Amino acid sequence: MTYKALAGKKVAVLTETEFIPHELDYYEIGFKVLGASVDFMTNMNGASSRTIVSDVDSPETKLYYREVYKDPKDYNPNDYDIVLMSANYCSVRLREIPPMGSLGSIEELQTPPAVQFFKQAMLNKNIVKGALCHGLWILTPCPEILTGRRVICHTVVLADIHNAGAVYVPDESHIVIDEDLVTGRSAADLEAYFDAIVATAIA
């Protein structure tokens, strides 16, 4: 991979509480080494900054914190070259319809800002999209976007992406590239997934 291969490109990473710390660190360092800028985005709930927390790597001994300053509702995905949905349960939290609980409606499923952000990115073939592990949950409210797309994901998400019309590809590499959409089986495949994102972006 060529040094500064992504010079001048912009990356948006959607994330939330229960992120995987080493995944976000990998993006932050890896993309910057390649010359790209990285914006982490989450639901800000009207605040100018928000601390998200994770205990997924060592729940009994350590919490991980990350400060986030950008809300997807304030940004246009078409201003980015790469849009990623981070792994674990971030996508579920980002698509929550406030107030929390079973008070929403079917018509509201696509209204959360992160869902809209990723959906709009999917409509632009010039943007490389990536979803790792559980990340495709961000799109299951939008079956018209997932229908016919070739993907791989964590088995927990498999029924949902199948019901949303996606085509599951159990590739032995654990990575599936469907034109502008790159998916990875799990966070254990982060390095290969990252390499596929970069290769797609510079192709």
N, C-alpha and C. Protein backbone atom coordinates (compact mmCIF):
# COMPACT_ATOMS: atom_id res chain seq x y z
N MET A 1 0.84 -1.19 0.00
CA MET A 1 0.00 0.00 0.00
C MET A 1 0.88 1.25 0.00
N THR A 2 0.65 2.14 -0.93
CA THR A 2 1.50 3.31 -1.10
C THR A 2 1.26 4.35 -0.02
N TYR A 3 2.35 4.88 0.50
CA TYR A 3 2.27 5.96 1.49
C TYR A 3 1.51 7.14 0.89
N LYS A 4 0.58 7.72 1.67
CA LYS A 4 -0.26 8.85 1.24
C LYS A 4 -1.16 8.50 0.05
N ALA A 5 -1.52 7.22 -0.08
CA ALA A 5 -2.36 6.79 -1.20
C ALA A 5 -3.74 7.44 -1.18
N LEU A 6 -4.18 7.90 -0.01
CA LEU A 6 -5.49 8.53 0.11
C LEU A 6 -5.37 10.02 0.38
N ALA A 7 -4.28 10.62 -0.04
CA ALA A 7 -4.05 12.04 0.23
C ALA A 7 -5.22 12.89 -0.24
N GLY A 8 -5.71 13.73 0.66
CA GLY A 8 -6.80 14.65 0.33
C GLY A 8 -8.19 14.08 0.47
N LYS A 9 -8.31 12.77 0.71
CA LYS A 9 -9.63 12.16 0.83
C LYS A 9 -10.18 12.33 2.25
N LYS A 10 -11.51 12.32 2.35
CA LYS A 10 -12.19 12.50 3.63
C LYS A 10 -12.96 11.24 3.99
N VAL A 11 -12.85 10.86 5.25
CA VAL A 11 -13.49 9.64 5.75
C VAL A 11 -14.45 10.01 6.88
N ALA A 12 -15.67 9.49 6.83
CA ALA A 12 -16.62 9.63 7.94
C ALA A 12 -16.83 8.26 8.57
N VAL A 13 -16.74 8.20 9.89
CA VAL A 13 -16.96 6.95 10.62
C VAL A 13 -18.11 7.16 11.59
N LEU A 14 -19.21 6.44 11.39
CA LEU A 14 -20.34 6.49 12.30
C LEU A 14 -20.09 5.54 13.46
N THR A 15 -20.27 6.03 14.68
CA THR A 15 -19.97 5.21 15.84
C THR A 15 -20.88 5.57 17.00
N GLU A 16 -20.81 4.81 18.06
CA GLU A 16 -21.65 5.05 19.24
C GLU A 16 -21.05 4.31 20.43
N THR A 17 -21.70 4.48 21.58
CA THR A 17 -21.33 3.73 22.77
C THR A 17 -21.36 2.22 22.45
N GLU A 18 -20.41 1.49 23.04
CA GLU A 18 -20.14 0.07 22.78
C GLU A 18 -19.36 -0.13 21.49
N PHE A 19 -18.61 0.90 21.08
CA PHE A 19 -17.67 0.76 19.97
C PHE A 19 -16.55 -0.21 20.36
N ILE A 20 -15.83 -0.68 19.37
CA ILE A 20 -14.65 -1.53 19.61
C ILE A 20 -13.42 -0.61 19.56
N PRO A 21 -12.75 -0.40 20.69
CA PRO A 21 -11.68 0.59 20.74
C PRO A 21 -10.60 0.43 19.68
N HIS A 22 -10.10 -0.79 19.49
CA HIS A 22 -8.99 -0.95 18.55
C HIS A 22 -9.45 -0.72 17.11
N GLU A 23 -10.74 -0.90 16.83
CA GLU A 23 -11.23 -0.61 15.48
C GLU A 23 -11.14 0.89 15.19
N LEU A 24 -11.64 1.72 16.10
CA LEU A 24 -11.60 3.16 15.88
C LEU A 24 -10.17 3.68 15.85
N ASP A 25 -9.32 3.13 16.71
CA ASP A 25 -7.90 3.52 16.70
C ASP A 25 -7.26 3.17 15.36
N TYR A 26 -7.62 2.00 14.83
CA TYR A 26 -7.06 1.54 13.56
C TYR A 26 -7.42 2.51 12.44
N TYR A 27 -8.68 2.96 12.41
CA TYR A 27 -9.11 3.93 11.40
C TYR A 27 -8.38 5.26 11.58
N GLU A 28 -8.33 5.72 12.81
CA GLU A 28 -7.74 7.03 13.07
C GLU A 28 -6.28 7.08 12.63
N ILE A 29 -5.54 6.05 12.98
CA ILE A 29 -4.12 6.01 12.63
C ILE A 29 -3.92 5.63 11.17
N GLY A 30 -4.61 4.57 10.74
CA GLY A 30 -4.40 4.04 9.40
C GLY A 30 -4.74 5.02 8.30
N PHE A 31 -5.88 5.67 8.40
CA PHE A 31 -6.27 6.62 7.36
C PHE A 31 -5.36 7.85 7.35
N LYS A 32 -4.96 8.30 8.53
CA LYS A 32 -4.09 9.47 8.58
C LYS A 32 -2.72 9.18 7.98
N VAL A 33 -2.21 7.97 8.22
CA VAL A 33 -0.93 7.58 7.62
C VAL A 33 -1.04 7.61 6.10
N LEU A 34 -2.22 7.27 5.58
CA LEU A 34 -2.43 7.25 4.14
C LEU A 34 -2.83 8.61 3.59
N GLY A 35 -2.87 9.63 4.45
CA GLY A 35 -3.10 10.99 3.99
C GLY A 35 -4.54 11.47 4.03
N ALA A 36 -5.46 10.64 4.53
CA ALA A 36 -6.86 11.02 4.59
C ALA A 36 -7.20 11.64 5.94
N SER A 37 -8.22 12.48 5.97
CA SER A 37 -8.73 13.02 7.23
C SER A 37 -9.91 12.17 7.67
N VAL A 38 -10.11 12.06 8.99
CA VAL A 38 -11.14 11.18 9.54
C VAL A 38 -12.04 11.96 10.48
N ASP A 39 -13.35 11.90 10.23
CA ASP A 39 -14.34 12.50 11.11
C ASP A 39 -15.17 11.39 11.76
N PHE A 40 -15.16 11.35 13.09
CA PHE A 40 -16.01 10.42 13.82
C PHE A 40 -17.33 11.12 14.13
N MET A 41 -18.45 10.43 13.92
CA MET A 41 -19.76 11.03 14.10
C MET A 41 -20.64 10.14 14.96
N THR A 42 -21.49 10.78 15.77
CA THR A 42 -22.44 10.05 16.58
C THR A 42 -23.63 10.95 16.88
N ASN A 43 -24.63 10.42 17.56
CA ASN A 43 -25.76 11.23 17.99
C ASN A 43 -25.29 12.18 19.09
N MET A 44 -25.33 13.46 18.82
CA MET A 44 -24.82 14.44 19.79
C MET A 44 -25.90 14.93 20.75
N ASN A 45 -27.14 14.67 20.43
CA ASN A 45 -28.26 15.06 21.30
C ASN A 45 -28.22 16.54 21.66
N GLY A 46 -27.82 17.36 20.69
CA GLY A 46 -27.80 18.80 20.89
C GLY A 46 -26.56 19.36 21.55
N ALA A 47 -25.64 18.49 21.95
CA ALA A 47 -24.41 18.95 22.63
C ALA A 47 -23.33 19.25 21.60
N SER A 48 -22.33 20.03 22.00
CA SER A 48 -21.21 20.34 21.10
C SER A 48 -20.15 19.25 21.13
N SER A 49 -20.17 18.43 22.16
CA SER A 49 -19.28 17.27 22.24
C SER A 49 -19.96 16.21 23.09
N ARG A 50 -19.53 14.97 22.89
CA ARG A 50 -20.14 13.88 23.65
C ARG A 50 -19.10 12.80 23.87
N THR A 51 -19.05 12.27 25.08
CA THR A 51 -18.15 11.18 25.40
C THR A 51 -18.90 9.87 25.26
N ILE A 52 -18.44 9.01 24.36
CA ILE A 52 -19.02 7.68 24.24
C ILE A 52 -18.10 6.70 24.95
N VAL A 53 -18.67 5.60 25.41
CA VAL A 53 -17.92 4.69 26.28
C VAL A 53 -18.07 3.26 25.79
N SER A 54 -17.05 2.46 26.02
CA SER A 54 -17.10 1.05 25.65
C SER A 54 -16.42 0.19 26.69
N ASP A 55 -17.01 -0.98 26.92
CA ASP A 55 -16.37 -1.97 27.80
C ASP A 55 -16.19 -3.30 27.08
N VAL A 56 -16.28 -3.28 25.76
CA VAL A 56 -16.32 -4.55 25.02
C VAL A 56 -14.99 -5.31 25.04
N ASP A 57 -13.87 -4.61 25.15
CA ASP A 57 -12.59 -5.32 25.13
C ASP A 57 -12.23 -5.95 26.47
N SER A 58 -12.61 -5.30 27.56
CA SER A 58 -12.31 -5.85 28.89
C SER A 58 -13.35 -5.35 29.89
N PRO A 59 -14.55 -5.89 29.85
CA PRO A 59 -15.66 -5.37 30.63
C PRO A 59 -15.44 -5.37 32.14
N GLU A 60 -14.58 -6.24 32.63
CA GLU A 60 -14.40 -6.34 34.07
C GLU A 60 -13.28 -5.46 34.60
N THR A 61 -12.47 -4.94 33.71
CA THR A 61 -11.28 -4.23 34.20
C THR A 61 -11.13 -2.81 33.71
N LYS A 62 -11.72 -2.47 32.54
CA LYS A 62 -11.40 -1.17 31.98
C LYS A 62 -12.51 -0.67 31.06
N LEU A 63 -12.80 0.61 31.17
CA LEU A 63 -13.70 1.27 30.24
C LEU A 63 -12.87 2.11 29.28
N TYR A 64 -13.34 2.22 28.05
CA TYR A 64 -12.68 3.04 27.05
C TYR A 64 -13.59 4.21 26.70
N TYR A 65 -12.98 5.38 26.58
CA TYR A 65 -13.74 6.59 26.29
C TYR A 65 -13.23 7.23 25.01
N ARG A 66 -14.15 7.84 24.28
CA ARG A 66 -13.77 8.60 23.09
C ARG A 66 -14.66 9.83 23.00
N GLU A 67 -14.04 10.97 22.78
CA GLU A 67 -14.78 12.22 22.63
C GLU A 67 -15.12 12.41 21.16
N VAL A 68 -16.40 12.70 20.89
CA VAL A 68 -16.87 12.89 19.52
C VAL A 68 -17.50 14.28 19.42
N TYR A 69 -17.28 14.94 18.28
CA TYR A 69 -17.70 16.33 18.13
C TYR A 69 -18.64 16.56 16.95
N LYS A 70 -18.96 15.53 16.19
CA LYS A 70 -19.76 15.72 14.98
C LYS A 70 -21.00 14.84 15.00
N ASP A 71 -22.11 15.42 14.55
CA ASP A 71 -23.38 14.72 14.46
C ASP A 71 -23.71 14.53 12.98
N PRO A 72 -24.07 13.31 12.54
CA PRO A 72 -24.33 13.10 11.11
C PRO A 72 -25.43 13.99 10.55
N LYS A 73 -26.34 14.47 11.40
CA LYS A 73 -27.42 15.32 10.90
C LYS A 73 -26.91 16.67 10.40
N ASP A 74 -25.69 17.03 10.81
CA ASP A 74 -25.13 18.33 10.43
C ASP A 74 -24.20 18.25 9.22
N TYR A 75 -24.03 17.05 8.64
CA TYR A 75 -23.06 16.88 7.57
C TYR A 75 -23.68 16.17 6.37
N ASN A 76 -23.09 16.43 5.22
CA ASN A 76 -23.55 15.84 3.97
C ASN A 76 -22.62 14.69 3.59
N PRO A 77 -23.14 13.47 3.48
CA PRO A 77 -22.26 12.34 3.13
C PRO A 77 -21.58 12.52 1.78
N ASN A 78 -22.16 13.32 0.91
CA ASN A 78 -21.57 13.53 -0.41
C ASN A 78 -20.28 14.35 -0.35
N ASP A 79 -19.97 14.89 0.81
CA ASP A 79 -18.70 15.60 1.01
C ASP A 79 -17.57 14.66 1.39
N TYR A 80 -17.88 13.37 1.51
CA TYR A 80 -16.88 12.38 1.94
C TYR A 80 -16.59 11.39 0.82
N ASP A 81 -15.38 10.85 0.84
CA ASP A 81 -14.97 9.84 -0.13
C ASP A 81 -15.23 8.43 0.38
N ILE A 82 -15.19 8.28 1.70
CA ILE A 82 -15.39 6.98 2.35
C ILE A 82 -16.32 7.19 3.55
N VAL A 83 -17.34 6.34 3.66
CA VAL A 83 -18.26 6.38 4.81
C VAL A 83 -18.33 4.99 5.42
N LEU A 84 -18.00 4.89 6.70
CA LEU A 84 -17.95 3.60 7.37
C LEU A 84 -18.92 3.54 8.54
N MET A 85 -19.52 2.38 8.73
CA MET A 85 -20.31 2.10 9.92
C MET A 85 -19.50 1.18 10.81
N SER A 86 -19.17 1.64 12.01
CA SER A 86 -18.31 0.84 12.87
C SER A 86 -19.04 -0.39 13.41
N ALA A 87 -18.27 -1.31 13.94
CA ALA A 87 -18.75 -2.64 14.32
C ALA A 87 -19.49 -2.63 15.66
N ASN A 88 -19.80 -3.83 16.11
CA ASN A 88 -20.50 -4.10 17.35
C ASN A 88 -21.91 -3.50 17.31
N TYR A 89 -22.42 -2.99 18.43
CA TYR A 89 -23.82 -2.56 18.48
C TYR A 89 -24.00 -1.08 18.21
N CYS A 90 -23.00 -0.44 17.63
CA CYS A 90 -23.09 0.99 17.32
C CYS A 90 -24.26 1.28 16.39
N SER A 91 -24.44 0.44 15.38
CA SER A 91 -25.49 0.68 14.39
C SER A 91 -26.88 0.63 15.03
N VAL A 92 -27.08 -0.28 15.97
CA VAL A 92 -28.38 -0.39 16.65
C VAL A 92 -28.66 0.88 17.44
N ARG A 93 -27.66 1.37 18.13
CA ARG A 93 -27.84 2.59 18.93
C ARG A 93 -28.08 3.80 18.04
N LEU A 94 -27.40 3.85 16.91
CA LEU A 94 -27.54 5.00 16.02
C LEU A 94 -28.91 5.05 15.33
N ARG A 95 -29.56 3.93 15.19
CA ARG A 95 -30.86 3.93 14.51
C ARG A 95 -32.03 3.99 15.48
N GLU A 96 -31.76 4.19 16.77
CA GLU A 96 -32.81 4.33 17.77
C GLU A 96 -33.69 5.54 17.47
N ILE A 97 -35.00 5.37 17.62
CA ILE A 97 -35.95 6.45 17.42
C ILE A 97 -36.34 7.00 18.78
N PRO A 98 -35.97 8.24 19.09
CA PRO A 98 -36.34 8.78 20.41
C PRO A 98 -37.84 9.08 20.49
N PRO A 99 -38.46 8.99 21.70
CA PRO A 99 -37.84 8.52 22.93
C PRO A 99 -37.59 7.02 22.88
N MET A 100 -36.59 6.55 23.60
CA MET A 100 -36.21 5.15 23.52
C MET A 100 -37.37 4.24 23.91
N GLY A 101 -37.50 3.17 23.19
CA GLY A 101 -38.54 2.21 23.50
C GLY A 101 -39.46 1.97 22.31
N SER A 102 -40.56 1.29 22.55
CA SER A 102 -41.47 0.90 21.47
C SER A 102 -42.54 1.96 21.23
N LEU A 103 -42.13 3.20 21.04
CA LEU A 103 -43.07 4.28 20.83
C LEU A 103 -42.97 4.85 19.42
N GLY A 104 -42.11 4.26 18.61
CA GLY A 104 -41.95 4.74 17.25
C GLY A 104 -42.99 4.13 16.33
N SER A 105 -42.82 4.36 15.04
CA SER A 105 -43.72 3.78 14.05
C SER A 105 -42.88 3.26 12.89
N ILE A 106 -43.49 2.40 12.07
CA ILE A 106 -42.80 1.86 10.91
C ILE A 106 -42.31 2.99 10.00
N GLU A 107 -43.13 4.02 9.89
CA GLU A 107 -42.79 5.14 9.01
C GLU A 107 -41.56 5.90 9.49
N GLU A 108 -41.22 5.76 10.75
CA GLU A 108 -40.09 6.50 11.32
C GLU A 108 -38.76 5.76 11.24
N LEU A 109 -38.78 4.52 10.78
CA LEU A 109 -37.59 3.68 10.86
C LEU A 109 -36.38 4.29 10.14
N GLN A 110 -36.62 5.02 9.07
CA GLN A 110 -35.51 5.58 8.30
C GLN A 110 -35.15 7.00 8.73
N THR A 111 -35.81 7.52 9.74
CA THR A 111 -35.61 8.93 10.10
C THR A 111 -34.38 9.24 10.94
N PRO A 112 -33.81 8.31 11.72
CA PRO A 112 -32.62 8.67 12.50
C PRO A 112 -31.51 9.22 11.59
N PRO A 113 -30.83 10.29 12.02
CA PRO A 113 -29.83 10.93 11.17
C PRO A 113 -28.76 10.00 10.62
N ALA A 114 -28.29 9.05 11.44
CA ALA A 114 -27.23 8.15 10.96
C ALA A 114 -27.75 7.23 9.87
N VAL A 115 -29.00 6.79 9.98
CA VAL A 115 -29.60 5.95 8.93
C VAL A 115 -29.69 6.75 7.63
N GLN A 116 -30.15 7.98 7.74
CA GLN A 116 -30.25 8.84 6.56
C GLN A 116 -28.88 9.12 5.95
N PHE A 117 -27.90 9.35 6.81
CA PHE A 117 -26.53 9.65 6.35
C PHE A 117 -25.99 8.47 5.54
N PHE A 118 -26.12 7.26 6.09
CA PHE A 118 -25.59 6.09 5.40
C PHE A 118 -26.41 5.78 4.15
N LYS A 119 -27.72 5.95 4.24
CA LYS A 119 -28.56 5.70 3.06
C LYS A 119 -28.19 6.63 1.91
N GLN A 120 -28.00 7.91 2.22
CA GLN A 120 -27.63 8.87 1.17
C GLN A 120 -26.26 8.54 0.59
N ALA A 121 -25.35 8.08 1.43
CA ALA A 121 -24.04 7.66 0.94
C ALA A 121 -24.18 6.47 -0.02
N MET A 122 -25.09 5.55 0.30
CA MET A 122 -25.30 4.38 -0.55
C MET A 122 -25.81 4.78 -1.93
N LEU A 123 -26.49 5.89 -2.01
CA LEU A 123 -27.04 6.34 -3.29
C LEU A 123 -25.99 6.99 -4.20
N ASN A 124 -24.81 7.22 -3.64
CA ASN A 124 -23.72 7.84 -4.41
C ASN A 124 -22.64 6.80 -4.67
N LYS A 125 -22.55 6.34 -5.90
CA LYS A 125 -21.60 5.29 -6.26
C LYS A 125 -20.15 5.73 -6.14
N ASN A 126 -19.92 7.03 -6.06
CA ASN A 126 -18.54 7.53 -5.95
C ASN A 126 -18.00 7.46 -4.53
N ILE A 127 -18.88 7.20 -3.57
CA ILE A 127 -18.46 7.06 -2.18
C ILE A 127 -18.24 5.58 -1.88
N VAL A 128 -17.10 5.25 -1.29
CA VAL A 128 -16.87 3.88 -0.83
C VAL A 128 -17.54 3.72 0.53
N LYS A 129 -18.42 2.75 0.65
CA LYS A 129 -19.09 2.47 1.90
C LYS A 129 -18.55 1.20 2.53
N GLY A 130 -18.50 1.17 3.85
CA GLY A 130 -18.03 -0.02 4.53
C GLY A 130 -18.85 -0.31 5.77
N ALA A 131 -19.15 -1.59 5.99
CA ALA A 131 -19.86 -2.02 7.19
C ALA A 131 -19.20 -3.31 7.68
N LEU A 132 -18.75 -3.27 8.91
CA LEU A 132 -18.03 -4.40 9.50
C LEU A 132 -18.89 -5.06 10.57
N CYS A 133 -18.90 -6.39 10.59
CA CYS A 133 -19.49 -7.14 11.69
C CYS A 133 -21.01 -6.91 11.76
N HIS A 134 -21.48 -6.16 12.76
CA HIS A 134 -22.91 -5.85 12.93
C HIS A 134 -23.32 -4.59 12.17
N GLY A 135 -22.39 -3.98 11.45
CA GLY A 135 -22.62 -2.65 10.88
C GLY A 135 -23.79 -2.53 9.93
N LEU A 136 -24.13 -3.61 9.22
CA LEU A 136 -25.22 -3.53 8.25
C LEU A 136 -26.58 -3.29 8.89
N TRP A 137 -26.67 -3.42 10.20
CA TRP A 137 -27.93 -3.09 10.87
C TRP A 137 -28.35 -1.64 10.60
N ILE A 138 -27.39 -0.78 10.26
CA ILE A 138 -27.74 0.61 9.97
C ILE A 138 -28.62 0.70 8.72
N LEU A 139 -28.54 -0.31 7.85
CA LEU A 139 -29.29 -0.27 6.59
C LEU A 139 -30.53 -1.15 6.57
N THR A 140 -30.74 -2.00 7.56
CA THR A 140 -31.90 -2.89 7.50
C THR A 140 -33.24 -2.14 7.54
N PRO A 141 -33.29 -0.88 8.04
CA PRO A 141 -34.54 -0.13 7.87
C PRO A 141 -34.78 0.31 6.42
N CYS A 142 -33.81 0.09 5.55
CA CYS A 142 -33.87 0.57 4.16
C CYS A 142 -33.72 -0.60 3.18
N PRO A 143 -34.69 -1.51 3.13
CA PRO A 143 -34.53 -2.69 2.26
C PRO A 143 -34.36 -2.32 0.79
N GLU A 144 -34.90 -1.18 0.39
CA GLU A 144 -34.74 -0.77 -1.01
C GLU A 144 -33.29 -0.49 -1.35
N ILE A 145 -32.47 -0.23 -0.34
CA ILE A 145 -31.04 0.04 -0.53
C ILE A 145 -30.24 -1.26 -0.50
N LEU A 146 -30.66 -2.20 0.34
CA LEU A 146 -29.91 -3.45 0.51
C LEU A 146 -30.27 -4.53 -0.51
N THR A 147 -31.44 -4.45 -1.07
CA THR A 147 -31.91 -5.51 -1.97
C THR A 147 -30.92 -5.76 -3.11
N GLY A 148 -30.48 -7.01 -3.21
CA GLY A 148 -29.59 -7.42 -4.28
C GLY A 148 -28.12 -7.17 -4.03
N ARG A 149 -27.78 -6.48 -2.93
CA ARG A 149 -26.36 -6.20 -2.66
C ARG A 149 -25.69 -7.44 -2.06
N ARG A 150 -24.49 -7.73 -2.53
CA ARG A 150 -23.72 -8.88 -2.06
C ARG A 150 -22.93 -8.47 -0.82
N VAL A 151 -23.12 -9.20 0.28
CA VAL A 151 -22.52 -8.79 1.55
C VAL A 151 -22.09 -10.00 2.37
N ILE A 152 -21.28 -9.70 3.39
CA ILE A 152 -20.98 -10.66 4.44
C ILE A 152 -21.11 -9.90 5.75
N CYS A 153 -21.42 -10.63 6.83
CA CYS A 153 -21.65 -9.97 8.11
C CYS A 153 -21.52 -10.98 9.24
N HIS A 154 -21.63 -10.50 10.47
CA HIS A 154 -21.70 -11.37 11.63
C HIS A 154 -22.98 -12.20 11.55
N THR A 155 -22.94 -13.44 12.01
CA THR A 155 -24.12 -14.30 11.91
C THR A 155 -25.32 -13.74 12.67
N VAL A 156 -25.10 -12.92 13.68
CA VAL A 156 -26.20 -12.30 14.43
C VAL A 156 -27.07 -11.44 13.50
N VAL A 157 -26.45 -10.85 12.48
CA VAL A 157 -27.14 -9.92 11.59
C VAL A 157 -27.71 -10.63 10.36
N LEU A 158 -27.34 -11.88 10.17
CA LEU A 158 -27.63 -12.58 8.92
C LEU A 158 -29.12 -12.62 8.58
N ALA A 159 -29.97 -12.97 9.54
CA ALA A 159 -31.41 -13.04 9.27
C ALA A 159 -31.95 -11.68 8.84
N ASP A 160 -31.45 -10.63 9.47
CA ASP A 160 -31.97 -9.29 9.18
C ASP A 160 -31.57 -8.81 7.78
N ILE A 161 -30.32 -9.05 7.40
CA ILE A 161 -29.91 -8.60 6.07
C ILE A 161 -30.56 -9.46 4.98
N HIS A 162 -30.79 -10.73 5.31
CA HIS A 162 -31.50 -11.60 4.35
C HIS A 162 -32.94 -11.09 4.16
N ASN A 163 -33.61 -10.77 5.25
CA ASN A 163 -34.99 -10.28 5.16
C ASN A 163 -35.06 -8.92 4.49
N ALA A 164 -33.96 -8.18 4.51
CA ALA A 164 -33.92 -6.87 3.85
C ALA A 164 -33.51 -6.98 2.38
N GLY A 165 -33.30 -8.21 1.91
CA GLY A 165 -33.07 -8.42 0.49
C GLY A 165 -31.63 -8.54 0.06
N ALA A 166 -30.69 -8.48 1.00
CA ALA A 166 -29.29 -8.60 0.63
C ALA A 166 -28.95 -10.05 0.28
N VAL A 167 -27.86 -10.23 -0.45
CA VAL A 167 -27.41 -11.56 -0.84
C VAL A 167 -26.18 -11.91 -0.02
N TYR A 168 -26.31 -12.86 0.89
CA TYR A 168 -25.21 -13.23 1.77
C TYR A 168 -24.19 -14.07 1.01
N VAL A 169 -22.92 -13.66 1.11
CA VAL A 169 -21.83 -14.37 0.42
C VAL A 169 -20.84 -14.86 1.49
N PRO A 170 -20.85 -16.15 1.83
CA PRO A 170 -19.96 -16.66 2.87
C PRO A 170 -18.54 -16.88 2.35
N ASP A 171 -17.91 -15.80 1.89
CA ASP A 171 -16.59 -15.89 1.28
C ASP A 171 -15.55 -16.30 2.32
N GLU A 172 -14.65 -17.18 1.95
CA GLU A 172 -13.63 -17.68 2.88
C GLU A 172 -12.66 -16.60 3.31
N SER A 173 -12.56 -15.52 2.54
CA SER A 173 -11.68 -14.41 2.92
C SER A 173 -12.31 -13.56 4.02
N HIS A 174 -13.61 -13.74 4.25
CA HIS A 174 -14.39 -12.98 5.24
C HIS A 174 -14.61 -11.53 4.82
N ILE A 175 -14.28 -11.20 3.58
CA ILE A 175 -14.47 -9.85 3.03
C ILE A 175 -15.23 -9.98 1.72
N VAL A 176 -16.23 -9.12 1.51
CA VAL A 176 -16.96 -9.11 0.25
C VAL A 176 -16.98 -7.68 -0.29
N ILE A 177 -16.55 -7.52 -1.52
CA ILE A 177 -16.59 -6.22 -2.19
C ILE A 177 -17.64 -6.28 -3.29
N ASP A 178 -18.67 -5.47 -3.14
CA ASP A 178 -19.72 -5.37 -4.14
C ASP A 178 -19.70 -3.95 -4.69
N GLU A 179 -18.84 -3.75 -5.70
CA GLU A 179 -18.64 -2.43 -6.29
C GLU A 179 -18.21 -1.42 -5.22
N ASP A 180 -19.10 -0.50 -4.83
CA ASP A 180 -18.74 0.57 -3.90
C ASP A 180 -19.03 0.20 -2.45
N LEU A 181 -19.48 -1.03 -2.18
CA LEU A 181 -19.80 -1.47 -0.82
C LEU A 181 -18.86 -2.58 -0.39
N VAL A 182 -18.17 -2.35 0.73
CA VAL A 182 -17.24 -3.34 1.28
C VAL A 182 -17.78 -3.79 2.63
N THR A 183 -17.91 -5.10 2.81
CA THR A 183 -18.37 -5.62 4.09
C THR A 183 -17.39 -6.65 4.62
N GLY A 184 -17.33 -6.77 5.95
CA GLY A 184 -16.44 -7.71 6.61
C GLY A 184 -17.18 -8.51 7.65
N ARG A 185 -16.77 -9.75 7.83
CA ARG A 185 -17.46 -10.67 8.72
C ARG A 185 -17.48 -10.20 10.17
N SER A 186 -16.31 -9.85 10.71
CA SER A 186 -16.25 -9.45 12.12
C SER A 186 -15.01 -8.60 12.37
N ALA A 187 -14.92 -8.07 13.56
CA ALA A 187 -13.78 -7.23 13.93
C ALA A 187 -12.47 -8.01 13.88
N ALA A 188 -12.55 -9.33 13.93
CA ALA A 188 -11.35 -10.15 13.80
C ALA A 188 -10.73 -10.02 12.42
N ASP A 189 -11.52 -9.52 11.46
CA ASP A 189 -11.05 -9.36 10.08
C ASP A 189 -10.75 -7.90 9.75
N LEU A 190 -10.51 -7.09 10.77
CA LEU A 190 -10.35 -5.65 10.59
C LEU A 190 -9.24 -5.29 9.61
N GLU A 191 -8.08 -5.92 9.70
CA GLU A 191 -6.96 -5.56 8.83
C GLU A 191 -7.29 -5.80 7.36
N ALA A 192 -7.83 -6.97 7.05
CA ALA A 192 -8.18 -7.29 5.67
C ALA A 192 -9.31 -6.38 5.17
N TYR A 193 -10.24 -6.08 6.04
CA TYR A 193 -11.35 -5.18 5.71
C TYR A 193 -10.84 -3.78 5.40
N PHE A 194 -9.95 -3.27 6.24
CA PHE A 194 -9.38 -1.95 6.03
C PHE A 194 -8.64 -1.91 4.69
N ASP A 195 -7.85 -2.93 4.41
CA ASP A 195 -7.11 -2.99 3.15
C ASP A 195 -8.07 -3.00 1.96
N ALA A 196 -9.21 -3.68 2.09
CA ALA A 196 -10.18 -3.72 1.00
C ALA A 196 -10.83 -2.36 0.80
N ILE A 197 -11.10 -1.66 1.89
CA ILE A 197 -11.65 -0.30 1.80
C ILE A 197 -10.67 0.60 1.03
N VAL A 198 -9.42 0.55 1.40
CA VAL A 198 -8.41 1.39 0.77
C VAL A 198 -8.26 1.03 -0.70
N ALA A 199 -8.17 -0.26 -1.00
CA ALA A 199 -8.01 -0.69 -2.39
C ALA A 199 -9.19 -0.24 -3.25
N THR A 200 -10.39 -0.29 -2.70
CA THR A 200 -11.57 0.14 -3.44
C THR A 200 -11.55 1.65 -3.67
N ALA A 201 -11.06 2.38 -2.66
CA ALA A 201 -11.03 3.84 -2.76
C ALA A 201 -10.02 4.35 -3.78
N ILE A 202 -8.95 3.58 -4.01
CA ILE A 202 -7.92 4.06 -4.94
C ILE A 202 -8.03 3.39 -6.32
N ALA A 203 -9.01 2.48 -6.45
CA ALA A 203 -9.16 1.77 -7.73
C ALA A 203 -9.60 2.70 -8.85
